[in-house]
Amino acid sequence: MNAYLVSVATFAALNVILALGLNLISGLCGQISLGHAAFYGIGAYATALSAVSGVPFGLALLIGALAAGVAGVITGIASLRVREDFLAIVTMGVGFVFLGVVRKAPWFGAEMGISKIPAAPLDKTGLAVLAIVLALAFIAFSLHVGRSWMGESFRAVAQDEDAARTIGLDVSGSKLAAFLIGTSAAGLAGGLYAYLTQLVVPDTFGFVQSVTVLAMVVIGGIGSTWGVVAGAVLLTLMPELFRFINDYKLLVYGGLLLLVMRLSPGGLAGLLVRRRR
């Protein structure tokens, strides 16, 4: 198979996992996060350090997912008493703290990052297949959560925390569960990224990446699993089909967000629902 197509398919699968993880936090549970790339980076760095230390492939990926999940729970605990704009600022701060640490600490390679990551036991095509299988598994999991009691709890918290607490829902537990699942997914995607590129550097996990993932969720349709998948695939393919976008990502994605908010607040999923009606 063409190496370029394999690479694009792999990154599309990673973005689907990333976007669905953020959708659980922000779309279902209503917790605004502007630092999702930090958990992507935590997973990548934890996996890279584990791999360099000789940890087997599968265990290294698990360590990356767990490290990001733990960081997500800590962020969730720190965010329990704040909402909306203040929550967005807290999560944005987590992203800046992460970048500050990995850029200055020699243990993380500072600005040079971590290179010479051992190759995965799979070739590029094998990694692509694994990423796609994991993306499909997370799609199925997201659909299941959306129909389950957990999804109903998330939606109740998103609609009105006080009312949810009044009827006996564990609001804090729901928030922490959303952060745990969403950030663990980001960490898993980060681990696959580390093995795919065999290099992790701080700039990959900056604020632009967080905005990009958020744009995938909003443009696809926040709260909609299939809409978010479509948004992730679309925004992965756009820079490949239109190369000039790479130099103006924030401008293009910002413009798309404005158009979506003005013309179709429900994103692509909302537009499709209206056309069916």
C-alpha atoms as a PDB file:
ATOM      1  CA  MET A   1       0.000   0.000   0.000  1.00  0.00           C
ATOM      2  CA  ASN A   2       1.163   3.553  -0.703  1.00  0.00           C
ATOM      3  CA  ALA A   3       3.191   4.793   2.295  1.00  0.00           C
ATOM      4  CA  TYR A   4       1.635   8.257   2.074  1.00  0.00           C
ATOM      5  CA  LEU A   5      -1.934   6.909   2.212  1.00  0.00           C
ATOM      6  CA  VAL A   6      -0.980   4.663   5.137  1.00  0.00           C
ATOM      7  CA  SER A   7       0.380   7.694   7.007  1.00  0.00           C
ATOM      8  CA  VAL A   8      -2.744   9.793   6.344  1.00  0.00           C
ATOM      9  CA  ALA A   9      -5.023   6.935   7.424  1.00  0.00           C
ATOM     10  CA  THR A  10      -3.027   6.497  10.633  1.00  0.00           C
ATOM     11  CA  PHE A  11      -3.203  10.179  11.561  1.00  0.00           C
ATOM     12  CA  ALA A  12      -6.920  10.246  10.729  1.00  0.00           C
ATOM     13  CA  ALA A  13      -7.453   7.331  13.139  1.00  0.00           C
ATOM     14  CA  LEU A  14      -5.395   9.064  15.860  1.00  0.00           C
ATOM     15  CA  ASN A  15      -7.422  12.252  15.410  1.00  0.00           C
ATOM     16  CA  VAL A  16     -10.672  10.298  15.660  1.00  0.00           C
ATOM     17  CA  ILE A  17      -9.544   8.879  19.022  1.00  0.00           C
ATOM     18  CA  LEU A  18      -8.426  12.326  20.204  1.00  0.00           C
ATOM     19  CA  ALA A  19     -11.624  14.058  19.125  1.00  0.00           C
ATOM     20  CA  LEU A  20     -13.921  11.404  20.594  1.00  0.00           C
ATOM     21  CA  GLY A  21     -12.054  11.636  23.896  1.00  0.00           C
ATOM     22  CA  LEU A  22     -12.598  15.398  23.976  1.00  0.00           C
ATOM     23  CA  ASN A  23     -16.219  14.906  22.935  1.00  0.00           C
ATOM     24  CA  LEU A  24     -16.862  12.784  26.036  1.00  0.00           C
ATOM     25  CA  ILE A  25     -15.461  15.566  28.222  1.00  0.00           C
ATOM     26  CA  SER A  26     -16.918  18.610  26.473  1.00  0.00           C
ATOM     27  CA  GLY A  27     -19.707  17.255  24.281  1.00  0.00           C
ATOM     28  CA  LEU A  28     -21.444  14.863  26.669  1.00  0.00           C
ATOM     29  CA  CYS A  29     -20.351  16.102  30.096  1.00  0.00           C
ATOM     30  CA  GLY A  30     -20.177  19.793  29.223  1.00  0.00           C
ATOM     31  CA  GLN A  31     -16.696  20.375  30.686  1.00  0.00           C
ATOM     32  CA  ILE A  32     -14.893  22.840  28.410  1.00  0.00           C
ATOM     33  CA  SER A  33     -11.290  21.775  27.809  1.00  0.00           C
ATOM     34  CA  LEU A  34      -8.719  23.821  25.914  1.00  0.00           C
ATOM     35  CA  GLY A  35      -5.724  21.718  26.894  1.00  0.00           C
ATOM     36  CA  HIS A  36      -6.482  18.332  25.362  1.00  0.00           C
ATOM     37  CA  ALA A  37      -3.180  18.306  23.481  1.00  0.00           C
ATOM     38  CA  ALA A  38      -1.357  18.214  26.840  1.00  0.00           C
ATOM     39  CA  PHE A  39      -2.782  14.749  27.576  1.00  0.00           C
ATOM     40  CA  TYR A  40      -1.895  13.679  24.035  1.00  0.00           C
ATOM     41  CA  GLY A  41       1.645  14.799  24.824  1.00  0.00           C
ATOM     42  CA  ILE A  42       1.734  13.134  28.247  1.00  0.00           C
ATOM     43  CA  GLY A  43       0.812   9.837  26.611  1.00  0.00           C
ATOM     44  CA  ALA A  44       3.447  10.320  23.914  1.00  0.00           C
ATOM     45  CA  TYR A  45       6.229  11.226  26.353  1.00  0.00           C
ATOM     46  CA  ALA A  46       5.345   8.475  28.837  1.00  0.00           C
ATOM     47  CA  THR A  47       5.277   5.897  26.047  1.00  0.00           C
ATOM     48  CA  ALA A  48       8.530   7.212  24.560  1.00  0.00           C
ATOM     49  CA  LEU A  49      10.362   7.087  27.915  1.00  0.00           C
ATOM     50  CA  SER A  50       9.018   3.586  28.553  1.00  0.00           C
ATOM     51  CA  ALA A  51      10.065   2.370  25.108  1.00  0.00           C
ATOM     52  CA  VAL A  52      13.553   3.853  25.462  1.00  0.00           C
ATOM     53  CA  SER A  53      13.834   2.075  28.831  1.00  0.00           C
ATOM     54  CA  GLY A  54      13.097  -1.261  27.175  1.00  0.00           C
ATOM     55  CA  VAL A  55       9.420  -1.662  28.093  1.00  0.00           C
ATOM     56  CA  PRO A  56       7.539  -3.873  25.575  1.00  0.00           C
ATOM     57  CA  PHE A  57       5.276  -2.258  23.001  1.00  0.00           C
ATOM     58  CA  GLY A  58       1.873  -3.091  24.476  1.00  0.00           C
ATOM     59  CA  LEU A  59       2.882  -2.223  28.026  1.00  0.00           C
ATOM     60  CA  ALA A  60       4.439   1.069  26.912  1.00  0.00           C
ATOM     61  CA  LEU A  61       1.138   2.061  25.235  1.00  0.00           C
ATOM     62  CA  LEU A  62      -0.741   1.142  28.414  1.00  0.00           C
ATOM     63  CA  ILE A  63       1.647   3.239  30.527  1.00  0.00           C
ATOM     64  CA  GLY A  64       1.082   6.216  28.224  1.00  0.00           C
ATOM     65  CA  ALA A  65      -2.712   5.881  28.479  1.00  0.00           C
ATOM     66  CA  LEU A  66      -2.575   5.480  32.277  1.00  0.00           C
ATOM     67  CA  ALA A  67      -0.230   8.467  32.700  1.00  0.00           C
ATOM     68  CA  ALA A  68      -2.566  10.690  30.691  1.00  0.00           C
ATOM     69  CA  GLY A  69      -5.589   9.325  32.571  1.00  0.00           C
ATOM     70  CA  VAL A  70      -4.022  10.069  35.953  1.00  0.00           C
ATOM     71  CA  ALA A  71      -3.139  13.579  34.784  1.00  0.00           C
ATOM     72  CA  GLY A  72      -6.725  13.965  33.568  1.00  0.00           C
ATOM     73  CA  VAL A  73      -8.175  12.933  36.936  1.00  0.00           C
ATOM     74  CA  ILE A  74      -5.841  15.370  38.730  1.00  0.00           C
ATOM     75  CA  THR A  75      -7.010  18.113  36.358  1.00  0.00           C
ATOM     76  CA  GLY A  76     -10.604  17.090  36.966  1.00  0.00           C
ATOM     77  CA  ILE A  77     -10.168  17.265  40.748  1.00  0.00           C
ATOM     78  CA  ALA A  78      -8.600  20.712  40.430  1.00  0.00           C
ATOM     79  CA  SER A  79     -11.519  21.789  38.225  1.00  0.00           C
ATOM     80  CA  LEU A  80     -14.436  20.538  40.333  1.00  0.00           C
ATOM     81  CA  ARG A  81     -15.187  23.968  41.797  1.00  0.00           C
ATOM     82  CA  VAL A  82     -14.968  25.938  38.546  1.00  0.00           C
ATOM     83  CA  ARG A  83     -17.263  26.049  35.522  1.00  0.00           C
ATOM     84  CA  GLU A  84     -17.444  27.292  31.947  1.00  0.00           C
ATOM     85  CA  ASP A  85     -14.926  30.090  31.243  1.00  0.00           C
ATOM     86  CA  PHE A  86     -12.914  29.431  34.399  1.00  0.00           C
ATOM     87  CA  LEU A  87     -12.733  25.721  33.576  1.00  0.00           C
ATOM     88  CA  ALA A  88     -11.470  26.554  30.089  1.00  0.00           C
ATOM     89  CA  ILE A  89      -8.726  28.722  31.623  1.00  0.00           C
ATOM     90  CA  VAL A  90      -7.720  25.939  34.032  1.00  0.00           C
ATOM     91  CA  THR A  91      -7.409  23.356  31.237  1.00  0.00           C
ATOM     92  CA  MET A  92      -5.529  25.851  29.078  1.00  0.00           C
ATOM     93  CA  GLY A  93      -3.154  26.359  31.984  1.00  0.00           C
ATOM     94  CA  VAL A  94      -2.533  22.604  32.175  1.00  0.00           C
ATOM     95  CA  GLY A  95      -1.368  22.716  28.562  1.00  0.00           C
ATOM     96  CA  PHE A  96       1.041  25.571  29.241  1.00  0.00           C
ATOM     97  CA  VAL A  97       2.409  23.856  32.381  1.00  0.00           C
ATOM     98  CA  PHE A  98       3.019  20.659  30.410  1.00  0.00           C
ATOM     99  CA  LEU A  99       4.912  22.537  27.694  1.00  0.00           C
ATOM    100  CA  GLY A 100       6.927  24.441  30.285  1.00  0.00           C
ATOM    101  CA  VAL A 101       8.011  21.233  32.001  1.00  0.00           C
ATOM    102  CA  VAL A 102       8.989  19.241  28.907  1.00  0.00           C
ATOM    103  CA  ARG A 103      10.798  22.219  27.357  1.00  0.00           C
ATOM    104  CA  LYS A 104      12.980  22.826  30.403  1.00  0.00           C
ATOM    105  CA  ALA A 105      13.556  19.363  31.882  1.00  0.00           C
ATOM    106  CA  PRO A 106      16.619  17.541  30.471  1.00  0.00           C
ATOM    107  CA  TRP A 107      14.955  14.245  31.354  1.00  0.00           C
ATOM    108  CA  PHE A 108      12.356  14.959  28.642  1.00  0.00           C
ATOM    109  CA  GLY A 109      14.962  16.128  26.131  1.00  0.00           C
ATOM    110  CA  ALA A 110      14.058  19.814  26.552  1.00  0.00           C
ATOM    111  CA  GLU A 111      13.447  21.534  23.182  1.00  0.00           C
ATOM    112  CA  MET A 112      14.990  18.611  21.285  1.00  0.00           C
ATOM    113  CA  GLY A 113      12.456  16.161  22.664  1.00  0.00           C
ATOM    114  CA  ILE A 114      12.980  12.408  22.746  1.00  0.00           C
ATOM    115  CA  SER A 115      14.412  10.778  19.637  1.00  0.00           C
ATOM    116  CA  LYS A 116      15.600   7.290  18.730  1.00  0.00           C
ATOM    117  CA  ILE A 117      12.446   5.713  20.111  1.00  0.00           C
ATOM    118  CA  PRO A 118      12.666   1.953  19.434  1.00  0.00           C
ATOM    119  CA  ALA A 119      10.593   0.795  16.499  1.00  0.00           C
ATOM    120  CA  ALA A 120       7.302  -0.937  17.184  1.00  0.00           C
ATOM    121  CA  PRO A 121       7.065  -4.678  16.462  1.00  0.00           C
ATOM    122  CA  LEU A 122       4.663  -3.674  13.669  1.00  0.00           C
ATOM    123  CA  ASP A 123       5.552  -1.991  10.396  1.00  0.00           C
ATOM    124  CA  LYS A 124       3.847   1.239   9.301  1.00  0.00           C
ATOM    125  CA  THR A 125       0.936  -0.647   7.779  1.00  0.00           C
ATOM    126  CA  GLY A 126       0.537  -2.707  10.936  1.00  0.00           C
ATOM    127  CA  LEU A 127       0.504   0.453  13.061  1.00  0.00           C
ATOM    128  CA  ALA A 128      -2.114   1.940  10.726  1.00  0.00           C
ATOM    129  CA  VAL A 129      -4.313  -1.147  11.085  1.00  0.00           C
ATOM    130  CA  LEU A 130      -3.898  -1.057  14.871  1.00  0.00           C
ATOM    131  CA  ALA A 131      -4.787   2.658  15.003  1.00  0.00           C
ATOM    132  CA  ILE A 132      -7.878   2.107  12.833  1.00  0.00           C
ATOM    133  CA  VAL A 133      -9.006  -0.879  14.949  1.00  0.00           C
ATOM    134  CA  LEU A 134      -8.584   1.157  18.144  1.00  0.00           C
ATOM    135  CA  ALA A 135     -10.466   4.083  16.567  1.00  0.00           C
ATOM    136  CA  LEU A 136     -13.342   1.770  15.587  1.00  0.00           C
ATOM    137  CA  ALA A 137     -13.341   0.286  19.086  1.00  0.00           C
ATOM    138  CA  PHE A 138     -13.539   3.756  20.626  1.00  0.00           C
ATOM    139  CA  ILE A 139     -16.343   4.718  18.245  1.00  0.00           C
ATOM    140  CA  ALA A 140     -18.294   1.672  19.440  1.00  0.00           C
ATOM    141  CA  PHE A 141     -17.490   2.542  23.057  1.00  0.00           C
ATOM    142  CA  SER A 142     -18.618   6.150  22.572  1.00  0.00           C
ATOM    143  CA  LEU A 143     -21.897   5.024  21.008  1.00  0.00           C
ATOM    144  CA  HIS A 144     -22.448   2.646  23.921  1.00  0.00           C
ATOM    145  CA  VAL A 145     -21.701   5.355  26.507  1.00  0.00           C
ATOM    146  CA  GLY A 146     -24.106   7.708  24.746  1.00  0.00           C
ATOM    147  CA  ARG A 147     -26.932   5.190  25.209  1.00  0.00           C
ATOM    148  CA  SER A 148     -25.984   4.069  28.723  1.00  0.00           C
ATOM    149  CA  TRP A 149     -26.742   5.388  32.211  1.00  0.00           C
ATOM    150  CA  MET A 150     -23.279   6.969  32.196  1.00  0.00           C
ATOM    151  CA  GLY A 151     -24.144   8.999  29.105  1.00  0.00           C
ATOM    152  CA  GLU A 152     -27.408  10.107  30.718  1.00  0.00           C
ATOM    153  CA  SER A 153     -25.469  11.190  33.809  1.00  0.00           C
ATOM    154  CA  PHE A 154     -23.003  13.110  31.665  1.00  0.00           C
ATOM    155  CA  ARG A 155     -25.806  14.904  29.831  1.00  0.00           C
ATOM    156  CA  ALA A 156     -27.573  15.743  33.085  1.00  0.00           C
ATOM    157  CA  VAL A 157     -24.376  17.284  34.468  1.00  0.00           C
ATOM    158  CA  ALA A 158     -23.896  19.234  31.247  1.00  0.00           C
ATOM    159  CA  GLN A 159     -27.451  20.602  31.327  1.00  0.00           C
ATOM    160  CA  ASP A 160     -27.647  21.632  34.987  1.00  0.00           C
ATOM    161  CA  GLU A 161     -25.197  20.524  37.671  1.00  0.00           C
ATOM    162  CA  ASP A 162     -27.383  21.713  40.547  1.00  0.00           C
ATOM    163  CA  ALA A 163     -30.455  19.875  39.253  1.00  0.00           C
ATOM    164  CA  ALA A 164     -28.379  16.728  38.656  1.00  0.00           C
ATOM    165  CA  ARG A 165     -27.081  16.897  42.223  1.00  0.00           C
ATOM    166  CA  THR A 166     -30.601  17.408  43.534  1.00  0.00           C
ATOM    167  CA  ILE A 167     -31.882  14.163  41.981  1.00  0.00           C
ATOM    168  CA  GLY A 168     -28.995  12.225  43.510  1.00  0.00           C
ATOM    169  CA  LEU A 169     -26.433  12.056  40.709  1.00  0.00           C
ATOM    170  CA  ASP A 170     -22.765  12.014  41.645  1.00  0.00           C
ATOM    171  CA  VAL A 171     -21.753  15.152  39.744  1.00  0.00           C
ATOM    172  CA  SER A 172     -18.109  15.053  40.837  1.00  0.00           C
ATOM    173  CA  GLY A 173     -17.840  11.366  39.948  1.00  0.00           C
ATOM    174  CA  SER A 174     -19.326  11.979  36.506  1.00  0.00           C
ATOM    175  CA  LYS A 175     -16.878  14.786  35.799  1.00  0.00           C
ATOM    176  CA  LEU A 176     -13.891  12.717  36.918  1.00  0.00           C
ATOM    177  CA  ALA A 177     -15.077   9.718  34.889  1.00  0.00           C
ATOM    178  CA  ALA A 178     -15.345  11.886  31.777  1.00  0.00           C
ATOM    179  CA  PHE A 179     -11.857  13.303  32.315  1.00  0.00           C
ATOM    180  CA  LEU A 180     -10.414   9.840  32.997  1.00  0.00           C
ATOM    181  CA  ILE A 181     -11.866   8.245  29.862  1.00  0.00           C
ATOM    182  CA  GLY A 182     -11.250  11.200  27.549  1.00  0.00           C
ATOM    183  CA  THR A 183      -7.664  11.846  28.630  1.00  0.00           C
ATOM    184  CA  SER A 184      -6.762   8.134  28.646  1.00  0.00           C
ATOM    185  CA  ALA A 185      -7.899   7.979  25.022  1.00  0.00           C
ATOM    186  CA  ALA A 186      -5.687  10.975  24.251  1.00  0.00           C
ATOM    187  CA  GLY A 187      -2.763   9.256  25.984  1.00  0.00           C
ATOM    188  CA  LEU A 188      -3.272   6.108  23.927  1.00  0.00           C
ATOM    189  CA  ALA A 189      -3.275   8.178  20.737  1.00  0.00           C
ATOM    190  CA  GLY A 190      -0.102   9.899  21.944  1.00  0.00           C
ATOM    191  CA  GLY A 191       1.610   6.560  22.505  1.00  0.00           C
ATOM    192  CA  LEU A 192       0.784   5.422  18.982  1.00  0.00           C
ATOM    193  CA  TYR A 193       2.071   8.757  17.679  1.00  0.00           C
ATOM    194  CA  ALA A 194       5.383   8.235  19.500  1.00  0.00           C
ATOM    195  CA  TYR A 195       5.881   4.814  17.900  1.00  0.00           C
ATOM    196  CA  LEU A 196       4.755   6.064  14.507  1.00  0.00           C
ATOM    197  CA  THR A 197       7.177   9.006  14.306  1.00  0.00           C
ATOM    198  CA  GLN A 198       9.862   7.669  16.702  1.00  0.00           C
ATOM    199  CA  LEU A 199      10.278  11.280  17.825  1.00  0.00           C
ATOM    200  CA  VAL A 200       8.335  13.474  20.254  1.00  0.00           C
ATOM    201  CA  VAL A 201       8.985  17.219  20.575  1.00  0.00           C
ATOM    202  CA  PRO A 202       7.098  19.846  22.624  1.00  0.00           C
ATOM    203  CA  ASP A 203       5.740  21.887  19.706  1.00  0.00           C
ATOM    204  CA  THR A 204       3.620  18.965  18.520  1.00  0.00           C
ATOM    205  CA  PHE A 205       1.460  19.208  21.639  1.00  0.00           C
ATOM    206  CA  GLY A 206       0.952  22.953  21.881  1.00  0.00           C
ATOM    207  CA  PHE A 207      -2.132  25.140  21.980  1.00  0.00           C
ATOM    208  CA  VAL A 208      -2.604  24.938  18.212  1.00  0.00           C
ATOM    209  CA  GLN A 209      -3.121  21.178  18.506  1.00  0.00           C
ATOM    210  CA  SER A 210      -5.691  21.690  21.275  1.00  0.00           C
ATOM    211  CA  VAL A 211      -7.576  24.180  19.109  1.00  0.00           C
ATOM    212  CA  THR A 212      -7.418  21.778  16.167  1.00  0.00           C
ATOM    213  CA  VAL A 213      -8.969  18.943  18.182  1.00  0.00           C
ATOM    214  CA  LEU A 214     -11.640  21.295  19.516  1.00  0.00           C
ATOM    215  CA  ALA A 215     -12.395  22.411  15.948  1.00  0.00           C
ATOM    216  CA  MET A 216     -12.858  18.765  14.930  1.00  0.00           C
ATOM    217  CA  VAL A 217     -15.430  18.314  17.686  1.00  0.00           C
ATOM    218  CA  VAL A 218     -17.346  21.541  17.076  1.00  0.00           C
ATOM    219  CA  ILE A 219     -17.314  21.377  13.269  1.00  0.00           C
ATOM    220  CA  GLY A 220     -18.374  17.731  13.294  1.00  0.00           C
ATOM    221  CA  GLY A 221     -21.110  18.330  15.846  1.00  0.00           C
ATOM    222  CA  ILE A 222     -20.371  18.509  19.555  1.00  0.00           C
ATOM    223  CA  GLY A 223     -22.055  15.647  21.383  1.00  0.00           C
ATOM    224  CA  SER A 224     -22.510  13.540  18.237  1.00  0.00           C
ATOM    225  CA  THR A 225     -20.201  10.530  17.895  1.00  0.00           C
ATOM    226  CA  TRP A 226     -20.519  10.187  14.121  1.00  0.00           C
ATOM    227  CA  GLY A 227     -20.376  13.947  13.633  1.00  0.00           C
ATOM    228  CA  VAL A 228     -17.113  14.147  15.577  1.00  0.00           C
ATOM    229  CA  VAL A 229     -15.675  11.261  13.536  1.00  0.00           C
ATOM    230  CA  ALA A 230     -16.575  13.149  10.340  1.00  0.00           C
ATOM    231  CA  GLY A 231     -15.027  16.352  11.699  1.00  0.00           C
ATOM    232  CA  ALA A 232     -11.806  14.557  12.650  1.00  0.00           C
ATOM    233  CA  VAL A 233     -11.453  12.917   9.247  1.00  0.00           C
ATOM    234  CA  LEU A 234     -12.331  16.145   7.409  1.00  0.00           C
ATOM    235  CA  LEU A 235      -9.791  18.281   9.266  1.00  0.00           C
ATOM    236  CA  THR A 236      -7.138  15.594   8.820  1.00  0.00           C
ATOM    237  CA  LEU A 237      -7.663  15.492   5.068  1.00  0.00           C
ATOM    238  CA  MET A 238      -7.985  19.246   4.474  1.00  0.00           C
ATOM    239  CA  PRO A 239      -4.282  20.102   4.979  1.00  0.00           C
ATOM    240  CA  GLU A 240      -3.382  17.173   2.710  1.00  0.00           C
ATOM    241  CA  LEU A 241      -5.751  18.202  -0.067  1.00  0.00           C
ATOM    242  CA  PHE A 242      -5.077  21.948   0.264  1.00  0.00           C
ATOM    243  CA  ARG A 243      -1.430  22.416   1.216  1.00  0.00           C
ATOM    244  CA  PHE A 244      -1.689  26.162   1.840  1.00  0.00           C
ATOM    245  CA  ILE A 245      -3.821  25.418   4.927  1.00  0.00           C
ATOM    246  CA  ASN A 246      -0.721  24.208   6.759  1.00  0.00           C
ATOM    247  CA  ASP A 247       0.561  27.803   6.925  1.00  0.00           C
ATOM    248  CA  TYR A 248      -2.779  29.275   8.047  1.00  0.00           C
ATOM    249  CA  LYS A 249      -4.291  26.566  10.248  1.00  0.00           C
ATOM    250  CA  LEU A 250      -5.532  28.816  13.023  1.00  0.00           C
ATOM    251  CA  LEU A 251      -6.986  31.270  10.507  1.00  0.00           C
ATOM    252  CA  VAL A 252      -8.771  28.579   8.483  1.00  0.00           C
ATOM    253  CA  TYR A 253     -10.029  26.621  11.486  1.00  0.00           C
ATOM    254  CA  GLY A 254     -11.126  29.820  13.212  1.00  0.00           C
ATOM    255  CA  GLY A 255     -13.056  30.841  10.101  1.00  0.00           C
ATOM    256  CA  LEU A 256     -14.694  27.412   9.902  1.00  0.00           C
ATOM    257  CA  LEU A 257     -15.684  27.624  13.561  1.00  0.00           C
ATOM    258  CA  LEU A 258     -17.287  31.032  12.980  1.00  0.00           C
ATOM    259  CA  LEU A 259     -19.196  29.732   9.971  1.00  0.00           C
ATOM    260  CA  VAL A 260     -20.407  26.663  11.832  1.00  0.00           C
ATOM    261  CA  MET A 261     -21.525  28.698  14.842  1.00  0.00           C
ATOM    262  CA  ARG A 262     -23.362  31.128  12.562  1.00  0.00           C
ATOM    263  CA  LEU A 263     -24.924  28.745  10.057  1.00  0.00           C
ATOM    264  CA  SER A 264     -25.132  25.397  11.848  1.00  0.00           C
ATOM    265  CA  PRO A 265     -24.427  25.422  15.606  1.00  0.00           C
ATOM    266  CA  GLY A 266     -24.911  21.660  15.646  1.00  0.00           C
ATOM    267  CA  GLY A 267     -22.039  21.170  13.197  1.00  0.00           C
ATOM    268  CA  LEU A 268     -22.158  18.694  10.342  1.00  0.00           C
ATOM    269  CA  ALA A 269     -24.327  16.346  12.408  1.00  0.00           C
ATOM    270  CA  GLY A 270     -26.873  19.096  13.092  1.00  0.00           C
ATOM    271  CA  LEU A 271     -26.947  20.077   9.427  1.00  0.00           C
ATOM    272  CA  LEU A 272     -27.633  16.474   8.409  1.00  0.00           C
ATOM    273  CA  VAL A 273     -30.463  16.172  10.953  1.00  0.00           C
ATOM    274  CA  ARG A 274     -32.096  19.362   9.625  1.00  0.00           C
ATOM    275  CA  ARG A 275     -31.856  18.154   6.025  1.00  0.00           C
ATOM    276  CA  ARG A 276     -33.497  14.860   6.952  1.00  0.00           C
ATOM    277  CA  ARG A 277     -36.338  16.697   8.649  1.00  0.00           C
END
